Amino acid sequence: MAVLRWEGGRVSPLLAGKALGFRAEGERRCVGARGNTCPLSAAVSARVTQPRCAECARLERAHSVAADTLLDDPRTYRVYLAWFGPGMVKVGITGEERGSARLLEQGAVVFSWLGRGPLMAARRTEEVLRGALGVPDRIPYADKRSVRAGLPGAAERVAEIEELHRRARAVGGWAETLEPLGCEPVDHTGVFGLDGLTTATSVVRELCDGGAVAGTLLAVAGPDLHLRTEGDGHIVLDTRLMGGWSLIGADPSAGVSVPTTDVTVQGGLF
């Protein structure tokens, strides 16, 4: 179950049909790095999804697997295929102890494991497969949001992952220490609440002092909340924009009084 985690440890379950409302106060501040507060309590832009000042961002990334700075990491990693929509697939890696958490965080509609092994073996195989399959290491959230309404049926979703898994297994150059894993597609459509989801009309661009976001939850995919709001239709809020703000409750009928961007579909993308 998706939840919002608040400072102090309180959590709010995010269930379809749930009324949700909050208002931002003051100025957005850096959230710090590696569990430590920012010594400067620096102000950060309202539009960034990672609310950290330059120094805290540097410290956070220095301990990131993505930065390739943890070459001696002894943990086991897994390589995966993640499907976000027709023709929209990526290859990535995640720590085995995290299970499918990384896939849920990214909003992967369907995924399957490809292999497991040491970090550098997983990283090497990820790069080999990315080049051989012609798939990226990341997909913009705007692209993911653009295809959530009207996804193809379950059989078609799974078939695309199965075909890519077959092609991936046929690629040479896998690291010898990576153990291949069979194709066992996992579909998150029901978990995210995407069945019957309508097309979004706007996306929250940023929060602001005194600005409210309130409505009824339609779906939750990755960091995105899909909300039905008073007078504003179906909007999407990337919850990463909430970090660093002081937030207070607002009536669910308060609607949206923060800057938004209208969704314009052009060739299937925003």
C-alpha atoms as a PDB file:
ATOM      1  CA  MET A   1       0.000   0.000   0.000  1.00  0.00           C
ATOM      2  CA  ALA A   2       1.311   3.443  -0.926  1.00  0.00           C
ATOM      3  CA  VAL A   3       1.622   5.940   1.927  1.00  0.00           C
ATOM      4  CA  LEU A   4       2.727   9.508   2.539  1.00  0.00           C
ATOM      5  CA  ARG A   5       5.408   9.667   5.240  1.00  0.00           C
ATOM      6  CA  TRP A   6       5.428  12.792   7.376  1.00  0.00           C
ATOM      7  CA  GLU A   7       8.163  14.230   9.560  1.00  0.00           C
ATOM      8  CA  GLY A   8       7.939  12.536  12.936  1.00  0.00           C
ATOM      9  CA  GLY A   9       7.074   9.133  11.494  1.00  0.00           C
ATOM     10  CA  ARG A  10       3.318   9.491  10.881  1.00  0.00           C
ATOM     11  CA  VAL A  11       2.036   7.855   7.694  1.00  0.00           C
ATOM     12  CA  SER A  12      -1.112   8.448   5.642  1.00  0.00           C
ATOM     13  CA  PRO A  13      -2.369   5.477   3.565  1.00  0.00           C
ATOM     14  CA  LEU A  14      -3.118   6.381  -0.055  1.00  0.00           C
ATOM     15  CA  LEU A  15      -6.236   4.514  -1.193  1.00  0.00           C
ATOM     16  CA  ALA A  16      -8.420   5.174  -4.235  1.00  0.00           C
ATOM     17  CA  GLY A  17     -11.466   7.208  -3.196  1.00  0.00           C
ATOM     18  CA  LYS A  18      -9.644   8.769  -0.238  1.00  0.00           C
ATOM     19  CA  ALA A  19     -10.113  12.529   0.304  1.00  0.00           C
ATOM     20  CA  LEU A  20      -6.793  14.350   0.493  1.00  0.00           C
ATOM     21  CA  GLY A  21      -5.980  18.002   1.133  1.00  0.00           C
ATOM     22  CA  PHE A  22      -3.000  20.081   2.272  1.00  0.00           C
ATOM     23  CA  ARG A  23      -1.660  23.619   2.088  1.00  0.00           C
ATOM     24  CA  ALA A  24       2.002  24.723   1.896  1.00  0.00           C
ATOM     25  CA  GLU A  25       3.364  27.362   4.249  1.00  0.00           C
ATOM     26  CA  GLY A  26       6.477  29.552   4.294  1.00  0.00           C
ATOM     27  CA  GLU A  27       9.488  28.798   2.095  1.00  0.00           C
ATOM     28  CA  ARG A  28      10.803  25.495   0.803  1.00  0.00           C
ATOM     29  CA  ARG A  29      13.989  24.393   2.561  1.00  0.00           C
ATOM     30  CA  CYS A  30      16.686  21.780   1.867  1.00  0.00           C
ATOM     31  CA  VAL A  31      15.873  18.373   3.375  1.00  0.00           C
ATOM     32  CA  GLY A  32      19.542  17.518   4.005  1.00  0.00           C
ATOM     33  CA  ALA A  33      21.423  14.340   3.042  1.00  0.00           C
ATOM     34  CA  ARG A  34      21.895  10.809   4.335  1.00  0.00           C
ATOM     35  CA  GLY A  35      19.413  11.361   7.156  1.00  0.00           C
ATOM     36  CA  ASN A  36      21.128  14.537   8.386  1.00  0.00           C
ATOM     37  CA  THR A  37      19.558  17.995   8.342  1.00  0.00           C
ATOM     38  CA  CYS A  38      21.009  20.709   6.131  1.00  0.00           C
ATOM     39  CA  PRO A  39      23.344  22.841   8.306  1.00  0.00           C
ATOM     40  CA  LEU A  40      22.289  25.978   6.417  1.00  0.00           C
ATOM     41  CA  SER A  41      18.576  25.170   6.136  1.00  0.00           C
ATOM     42  CA  ALA A  42      19.072  26.509   2.625  1.00  0.00           C
ATOM     43  CA  ALA A  43      16.177  27.697   0.487  1.00  0.00           C
ATOM     44  CA  VAL A  44      15.572  25.558  -2.627  1.00  0.00           C
ATOM     45  CA  SER A  45      13.549  26.019  -5.797  1.00  0.00           C
ATOM     46  CA  ALA A  46       9.877  25.074  -5.642  1.00  0.00           C
ATOM     47  CA  ARG A  47      10.143  23.320  -9.018  1.00  0.00           C
ATOM     48  CA  VAL A  48      12.836  20.725  -8.361  1.00  0.00           C
ATOM     49  CA  THR A  49      11.879  17.166  -7.449  1.00  0.00           C
ATOM     50  CA  GLN A  50      14.944  16.658  -5.222  1.00  0.00           C
ATOM     51  CA  PRO A  51      14.755  19.442  -2.598  1.00  0.00           C
ATOM     52  CA  ARG A  52      18.437  19.691  -1.704  1.00  0.00           C
ATOM     53  CA  CYS A  53      20.984  22.482  -1.843  1.00  0.00           C
ATOM     54  CA  ALA A  54      24.079  21.891  -3.982  1.00  0.00           C
ATOM     55  CA  GLU A  55      26.230  20.617  -1.100  1.00  0.00           C
ATOM     56  CA  CYS A  56      23.614  18.227   0.293  1.00  0.00           C
ATOM     57  CA  ALA A  57      22.891  16.943  -3.218  1.00  0.00           C
ATOM     58  CA  ARG A  58      26.604  16.216  -3.665  1.00  0.00           C
ATOM     59  CA  LEU A  59      26.756  14.318  -0.366  1.00  0.00           C
ATOM     60  CA  GLU A  60      23.620  12.320  -1.188  1.00  0.00           C
ATOM     61  CA  ARG A  61      24.875  11.298  -4.606  1.00  0.00           C
ATOM     62  CA  ALA A  62      28.323  10.368  -3.267  1.00  0.00           C
ATOM     63  CA  HIS A  63      26.683   7.384  -1.541  1.00  0.00           C
ATOM     64  CA  SER A  64      24.449   6.443  -4.461  1.00  0.00           C
ATOM     65  CA  VAL A  65      24.765   3.202  -6.408  1.00  0.00           C
ATOM     66  CA  ALA A  66      23.863   5.183  -9.525  1.00  0.00           C
ATOM     67  CA  ALA A  67      27.022   7.274  -9.095  1.00  0.00           C
ATOM     68  CA  ASP A  68      29.247   4.154  -9.267  1.00  0.00           C
ATOM     69  CA  THR A  69      31.092   5.180  -6.090  1.00  0.00           C
ATOM     70  CA  LEU A  70      30.307   1.988  -4.115  1.00  0.00           C
ATOM     71  CA  LEU A  71      32.432  -0.436  -6.098  1.00  0.00           C
ATOM     72  CA  ASP A  72      33.121  -2.665  -3.078  1.00  0.00           C
ATOM     73  CA  ASP A  73      29.458  -3.010  -2.078  1.00  0.00           C
ATOM     74  CA  PRO A  74      29.090  -6.634  -0.909  1.00  0.00           C
ATOM     75  CA  ARG A  75      25.303  -6.828  -1.314  1.00  0.00           C
ATOM     76  CA  THR A  76      23.483  -8.813  -3.997  1.00  0.00           C
ATOM     77  CA  TYR A  77      21.820  -6.837  -6.779  1.00  0.00           C
ATOM     78  CA  ARG A  78      19.147  -7.665  -9.318  1.00  0.00           C
ATOM     79  CA  VAL A  79      18.796  -6.602 -12.945  1.00  0.00           C
ATOM     80  CA  TYR A  80      15.237  -5.964 -14.107  1.00  0.00           C
ATOM     81  CA  LEU A  81      13.067  -5.053 -17.098  1.00  0.00           C
ATOM     82  CA  ALA A  82      10.399  -2.423 -16.338  1.00  0.00           C
ATOM     83  CA  TRP A  83       7.424  -1.653 -18.636  1.00  0.00           C
ATOM     84  CA  PHE A  84       5.592   1.679 -18.383  1.00  0.00           C
ATOM     85  CA  GLY A  85       3.510   1.572 -21.563  1.00  0.00           C
ATOM     86  CA  PRO A  86       3.641   0.327 -25.168  1.00  0.00           C
ATOM     87  CA  GLY A  87       7.248   0.540 -26.381  1.00  0.00           C
ATOM     88  CA  MET A  88       8.269   2.216 -23.112  1.00  0.00           C
ATOM     89  CA  VAL A  89      10.709  -0.138 -21.363  1.00  0.00           C
ATOM     90  CA  LYS A  90      13.932   0.300 -19.393  1.00  0.00           C
ATOM     91  CA  VAL A  91      16.634  -1.920 -17.911  1.00  0.00           C
ATOM     92  CA  GLY A  92      17.841  -1.165 -14.388  1.00  0.00           C
ATOM     93  CA  ILE A  93      19.333  -2.597 -11.204  1.00  0.00           C
ATOM     94  CA  THR A  94      18.246  -2.585  -7.555  1.00  0.00           C
ATOM     95  CA  GLY A  95      19.420  -4.091  -4.295  1.00  0.00           C
ATOM     96  CA  GLU A  96      17.973  -7.561  -3.801  1.00  0.00           C
ATOM     97  CA  GLU A  97      16.968  -6.791  -0.198  1.00  0.00           C
ATOM     98  CA  ARG A  98      14.648  -4.049  -1.479  1.00  0.00           C
ATOM     99  CA  GLY A  99      12.481  -6.519  -3.388  1.00  0.00           C
ATOM    100  CA  SER A 100      10.142  -4.735  -5.816  1.00  0.00           C
ATOM    101  CA  ALA A 101      10.217  -1.399  -3.932  1.00  0.00           C
ATOM    102  CA  ARG A 102      12.305   0.307  -6.642  1.00  0.00           C
ATOM    103  CA  LEU A 103       9.845  -0.765  -9.335  1.00  0.00           C
ATOM    104  CA  LEU A 104       6.899   0.595  -7.336  1.00  0.00           C
ATOM    105  CA  GLU A 105       8.771   3.863  -6.741  1.00  0.00           C
ATOM    106  CA  GLN A 106       9.311   4.301 -10.482  1.00  0.00           C
ATOM    107  CA  GLY A 107       5.720   3.534 -11.383  1.00  0.00           C
ATOM    108  CA  ALA A 108       6.573   0.405 -13.403  1.00  0.00           C
ATOM    109  CA  VAL A 109       3.282  -1.045 -14.627  1.00  0.00           C
ATOM    110  CA  VAL A 110       4.840  -4.464 -15.321  1.00  0.00           C
ATOM    111  CA  PHE A 111       8.310  -5.792 -14.525  1.00  0.00           C
ATOM    112  CA  SER A 112      10.356  -8.979 -14.529  1.00  0.00           C
ATOM    113  CA  TRP A 113      13.713  -9.857 -13.033  1.00  0.00           C
ATOM    114  CA  LEU A 114      16.534 -10.744 -15.416  1.00  0.00           C
ATOM    115  CA  GLY A 115      19.360 -11.814 -13.107  1.00  0.00           C
ATOM    116  CA  ARG A 116      21.041 -11.485  -9.718  1.00  0.00           C
ATOM    117  CA  GLY A 117      24.646 -11.161  -8.537  1.00  0.00           C
ATOM    118  CA  PRO A 118      27.371  -8.741  -7.358  1.00  0.00           C
ATOM    119  CA  LEU A 119      26.992  -5.011  -8.020  1.00  0.00           C
ATOM    120  CA  MET A 120      29.574  -4.710 -10.783  1.00  0.00           C
ATOM    121  CA  ALA A 121      28.264  -7.819 -12.565  1.00  0.00           C
ATOM    122  CA  ALA A 122      24.742  -6.379 -12.424  1.00  0.00           C
ATOM    123  CA  ARG A 123      25.990  -2.990 -13.641  1.00  0.00           C
ATOM    124  CA  ARG A 124      27.948  -4.505 -16.538  1.00  0.00           C
ATOM    125  CA  THR A 125      25.011  -6.660 -17.639  1.00  0.00           C
ATOM    126  CA  GLU A 126      22.646  -3.686 -17.371  1.00  0.00           C
ATOM    127  CA  GLU A 127      24.850  -1.685 -19.750  1.00  0.00           C
ATOM    128  CA  VAL A 128      25.247  -4.582 -22.192  1.00  0.00           C
ATOM    129  CA  LEU A 129      21.486  -5.173 -22.347  1.00  0.00           C
ATOM    130  CA  ARG A 130      20.665  -1.509 -22.645  1.00  0.00           C
ATOM    131  CA  GLY A 131      22.790  -1.226 -25.752  1.00  0.00           C
ATOM    132  CA  ALA A 132      21.716  -4.553 -27.275  1.00  0.00           C
ATOM    133  CA  LEU A 133      17.973  -4.003 -26.718  1.00  0.00           C
ATOM    134  CA  GLY A 134      18.034  -0.303 -27.529  1.00  0.00           C
ATOM    135  CA  VAL A 135      16.305   0.690 -24.288  1.00  0.00           C
ATOM    136  CA  PRO A 136      17.146   3.627 -21.976  1.00  0.00           C
ATOM    137  CA  ASP A 137      18.288   3.658 -18.349  1.00  0.00           C
ATOM    138  CA  ARG A 138      15.500   6.086 -17.437  1.00  0.00           C
ATOM    139  CA  ILE A 139      12.159   7.323 -18.785  1.00  0.00           C
ATOM    140  CA  PRO A 140      10.842  10.824 -17.985  1.00  0.00           C
ATOM    141  CA  TYR A 141       7.806  10.908 -15.699  1.00  0.00           C
ATOM    142  CA  ALA A 142       5.947  13.104 -18.190  1.00  0.00           C
ATOM    143  CA  ASP A 143       6.189  10.236 -20.687  1.00  0.00           C
ATOM    144  CA  LYS A 144       4.999   7.688 -18.116  1.00  0.00           C
ATOM    145  CA  ARG A 145       1.983   9.842 -17.203  1.00  0.00           C
ATOM    146  CA  SER A 146       1.024  10.290 -20.840  1.00  0.00           C
ATOM    147  CA  VAL A 147       0.172   6.591 -21.320  1.00  0.00           C
ATOM    148  CA  ARG A 148      -1.450   5.589 -18.006  1.00  0.00           C
ATOM    149  CA  ALA A 149      -4.975   6.213 -19.275  1.00  0.00           C
ATOM    150  CA  GLY A 150      -6.039   3.513 -21.729  1.00  0.00           C
ATOM    151  CA  LEU A 151      -3.244   1.002 -21.210  1.00  0.00           C
ATOM    152  CA  PRO A 152      -3.491  -2.194 -23.278  1.00  0.00           C
ATOM    153  CA  GLY A 153      -4.887  -5.338 -21.675  1.00  0.00           C
ATOM    154  CA  ALA A 154      -2.965  -7.526 -19.255  1.00  0.00           C
ATOM    155  CA  ALA A 155      -2.073 -10.147 -21.882  1.00  0.00           C
ATOM    156  CA  GLU A 156      -0.531  -7.546 -24.185  1.00  0.00           C
ATOM    157  CA  ARG A 157       1.383  -5.925 -21.324  1.00  0.00           C
ATOM    158  CA  VAL A 158       2.861  -9.228 -20.205  1.00  0.00           C
ATOM    159  CA  ALA A 159       3.618 -10.342 -23.775  1.00  0.00           C
ATOM    160  CA  GLU A 160       5.878  -7.334 -24.369  1.00  0.00           C
ATOM    161  CA  ILE A 161       7.886  -8.047 -21.206  1.00  0.00           C
ATOM    162  CA  GLU A 162       8.125 -11.759 -22.097  1.00  0.00           C
ATOM    163  CA  GLU A 163       9.441 -10.968 -25.585  1.00  0.00           C
ATOM    164  CA  LEU A 164      12.043  -8.535 -24.256  1.00  0.00           C
ATOM    165  CA  HIS A 165      13.097 -11.034 -21.596  1.00  0.00           C
ATOM    166  CA  ARG A 166      13.594 -13.661 -24.317  1.00  0.00           C
ATOM    167  CA  ARG A 167      15.675 -11.226 -26.375  1.00  0.00           C
ATOM    168  CA  ALA A 168      17.717 -10.220 -23.322  1.00  0.00           C
ATOM    169  CA  ARG A 169      18.577 -13.845 -22.517  1.00  0.00           C
ATOM    170  CA  ALA A 170      19.804 -14.302 -26.095  1.00  0.00           C
ATOM    171  CA  VAL A 171      22.248 -11.384 -25.822  1.00  0.00           C
ATOM    172  CA  GLY A 172      25.895 -12.321 -25.330  1.00  0.00           C
ATOM    173  CA  GLY A 173      28.191 -10.543 -22.914  1.00  0.00           C
ATOM    174  CA  TRP A 174      26.363 -11.155 -19.622  1.00  0.00           C
ATOM    175  CA  ALA A 175      28.742 -11.042 -16.647  1.00  0.00           C
ATOM    176  CA  GLU A 176      29.755 -14.580 -15.679  1.00  0.00           C
ATOM    177  CA  THR A 177      28.950 -13.983 -12.005  1.00  0.00           C
ATOM    178  CA  LEU A 178      25.381 -12.881 -12.733  1.00  0.00           C
ATOM    179  CA  GLU A 179      22.813 -15.649 -12.227  1.00  0.00           C
ATOM    180  CA  PRO A 180      20.063 -15.501 -14.903  1.00  0.00           C
ATOM    181  CA  LEU A 181      16.485 -15.544 -13.628  1.00  0.00           C
ATOM    182  CA  GLY A 182      13.400 -16.818 -15.439  1.00  0.00           C
ATOM    183  CA  CYS A 183      10.675 -14.536 -16.741  1.00  0.00           C
ATOM    184  CA  GLU A 184       7.977 -14.039 -14.103  1.00  0.00           C
ATOM    185  CA  PRO A 185       6.112 -10.824 -14.981  1.00  0.00           C
ATOM    186  CA  VAL A 186       4.567  -8.849 -12.116  1.00  0.00           C
ATOM    187  CA  ASP A 187       1.703  -6.480 -13.039  1.00  0.00           C
ATOM    188  CA  HIS A 188       1.124  -3.407 -10.814  1.00  0.00           C
ATOM    189  CA  THR A 189      -1.973  -2.097 -12.613  1.00  0.00           C
ATOM    190  CA  GLY A 190      -4.258  -3.095  -9.747  1.00  0.00           C
ATOM    191  CA  VAL A 191      -1.798  -1.919  -7.089  1.00  0.00           C
ATOM    192  CA  PHE A 192      -1.627   1.535  -8.683  1.00  0.00           C
ATOM    193  CA  GLY A 193      -5.370   1.721  -9.400  1.00  0.00           C
ATOM    194  CA  LEU A 194      -4.916   2.344 -13.131  1.00  0.00           C
ATOM    195  CA  ASP A 195      -7.901   0.337 -14.398  1.00  0.00           C
ATOM    196  CA  GLY A 196     -10.356   2.806 -15.928  1.00  0.00           C
ATOM    197  CA  LEU A 197      -8.126   5.818 -15.219  1.00  0.00           C
ATOM    198  CA  THR A 198      -9.075   8.876 -17.276  1.00  0.00           C
ATOM    199  CA  THR A 199      -6.612  11.197 -19.000  1.00  0.00           C
ATOM    200  CA  ALA A 200      -5.180  13.904 -16.736  1.00  0.00           C
ATOM    201  CA  THR A 201      -6.012  17.515 -17.612  1.00  0.00           C
ATOM    202  CA  SER A 202      -3.154  19.217 -15.724  1.00  0.00           C
ATOM    203  CA  VAL A 203      -0.001  18.614 -13.688  1.00  0.00           C
ATOM    204  CA  VAL A 204       1.121  20.548 -10.597  1.00  0.00           C
ATOM    205  CA  ARG A 205       4.207  22.562 -11.565  1.00  0.00           C
ATOM    206  CA  GLU A 206       5.198  23.673  -8.055  1.00  0.00           C
ATOM    207  CA  LEU A 207       3.828  24.392  -4.594  1.00  0.00           C
ATOM    208  CA  CYS A 208       3.758  27.902  -3.137  1.00  0.00           C
ATOM    209  CA  ASP A 209       3.196  29.669   0.174  1.00  0.00           C
ATOM    210  CA  GLY A 210      -0.511  29.431   0.963  1.00  0.00           C
ATOM    211  CA  GLY A 211      -1.257  27.230  -2.053  1.00  0.00           C
ATOM    212  CA  ALA A 212      -3.562  24.240  -1.621  1.00  0.00           C
ATOM    213  CA  VAL A 213      -3.867  20.859  -3.336  1.00  0.00           C
ATOM    214  CA  ALA A 214      -7.016  18.952  -2.459  1.00  0.00           C
ATOM    215  CA  GLY A 215      -9.290  16.367  -4.008  1.00  0.00           C
ATOM    216  CA  THR A 216     -10.219  12.698  -4.233  1.00  0.00           C
ATOM    217  CA  LEU A 217      -7.515  10.169  -4.963  1.00  0.00           C
ATOM    218  CA  LEU A 218      -7.963   8.271  -8.221  1.00  0.00           C
ATOM    219  CA  ALA A 219      -4.657   6.398  -8.504  1.00  0.00           C
ATOM    220  CA  VAL A 220      -1.084   6.337  -7.208  1.00  0.00           C
ATOM    221  CA  ALA A 221       1.766   5.356  -9.548  1.00  0.00           C
ATOM    222  CA  GLY A 222       5.327   5.893  -8.383  1.00  0.00           C
ATOM    223  CA  PRO A 223       5.549   9.406  -6.915  1.00  0.00           C
ATOM    224  CA  ASP A 224       2.454  10.581  -8.795  1.00  0.00           C
ATOM    225  CA  LEU A 225      -0.920  11.158  -7.151  1.00  0.00           C
ATOM    226  CA  HIS A 226      -3.831  11.313  -9.596  1.00  0.00           C
ATOM    227  CA  LEU A 227      -6.587  13.460  -8.060  1.00  0.00           C
ATOM    228  CA  ARG A 228     -10.139  14.443  -9.000  1.00  0.00           C
ATOM    229  CA  THR A 229     -10.469  18.051  -7.793  1.00  0.00           C
ATOM    230  CA  GLU A 230     -13.198  20.663  -7.385  1.00  0.00           C
ATOM    231  CA  GLY A 231     -13.410  22.634 -10.617  1.00  0.00           C
ATOM    232  CA  ASP A 232      -9.981  21.575 -11.900  1.00  0.00           C
ATOM    233  CA  GLY A 233     -10.725  18.088 -13.211  1.00  0.00           C
ATOM    234  CA  HIS A 234      -8.097  15.356 -13.066  1.00  0.00           C
ATOM    235  CA  ILE A 235      -4.692  16.647 -11.937  1.00  0.00           C
ATOM    236  CA  VAL A 236      -1.399  14.898 -11.212  1.00  0.00           C
ATOM    237  CA  LEU A 237       0.839  15.808  -8.275  1.00  0.00           C
ATOM    238  CA  ASP A 238       4.420  14.535  -8.134  1.00  0.00           C
ATOM    239  CA  THR A 239       4.826  14.037  -4.385  1.00  0.00           C
ATOM    240  CA  ARG A 240       8.557  14.775  -4.663  1.00  0.00           C
ATOM    241  CA  LEU A 241       7.515  18.434  -4.994  1.00  0.00           C
ATOM    242  CA  MET A 242       6.191  18.254  -1.410  1.00  0.00           C
ATOM    243  CA  GLY A 243       9.580  17.651   0.240  1.00  0.00           C
ATOM    244  CA  GLY A 244      11.050  20.606   2.100  1.00  0.00           C
ATOM    245  CA  TRP A 245       7.728  22.402   2.654  1.00  0.00           C
ATOM    246  CA  SER A 246       5.848  22.943   5.891  1.00  0.00           C
ATOM    247  CA  LEU A 247       2.421  21.428   5.140  1.00  0.00           C
ATOM    248  CA  ILE A 248      -0.865  21.751   6.988  1.00  0.00           C
ATOM    249  CA  GLY A 249      -4.211  20.078   6.384  1.00  0.00           C
ATOM    250  CA  ALA A 250      -6.768  21.588   4.004  1.00  0.00           C
ATOM    251  CA  ASP A 251     -10.403  20.767   3.310  1.00  0.00           C
ATOM    252  CA  PRO A 252     -10.729  18.224   0.460  1.00  0.00           C
ATOM    253  CA  SER A 253     -13.043  20.696  -1.313  1.00  0.00           C
ATOM    254  CA  ALA A 254     -10.344  23.412  -1.346  1.00  0.00           C
ATOM    255  CA  GLY A 255      -9.354  22.498  -4.911  1.00  0.00           C
ATOM    256  CA  VAL A 256      -6.021  23.551  -6.384  1.00  0.00           C
ATOM    257  CA  SER A 257      -4.460  26.982  -5.874  1.00  0.00           C
ATOM    258  CA  VAL A 258      -0.869  26.261  -6.897  1.00  0.00           C
ATOM    259  CA  PRO A 259       0.714  26.720 -10.362  1.00  0.00           C
ATOM    260  CA  THR A 260      -0.196  23.952 -12.808  1.00  0.00           C
ATOM    261  CA  THR A 261       0.564  23.073 -16.409  1.00  0.00           C
ATOM    262  CA  ASP A 262      -2.163  21.947 -18.802  1.00  0.00           C
ATOM    263  CA  VAL A 263      -1.652  18.566 -20.393  1.00  0.00           C
ATOM    264  CA  THR A 264      -1.387  18.701 -24.160  1.00  0.00           C
ATOM    265  CA  VAL A 265      -1.170  15.391 -25.948  1.00  0.00           C
ATOM    266  CA  GLN A 266       1.129  15.544 -28.999  1.00  0.00           C
ATOM    267  CA  GLY A 267       2.011  12.241 -30.551  1.00  0.00           C
ATOM    268  CA  GLY A 268       1.194  10.492 -27.295  1.00  0.00           C
ATOM    269  CA  LEU A 269       3.473  12.603 -25.104  1.00  0.00           C
ATOM    270  CA  PHE A 270       3.072  15.750 -23.002  1.00  0.00           C
END
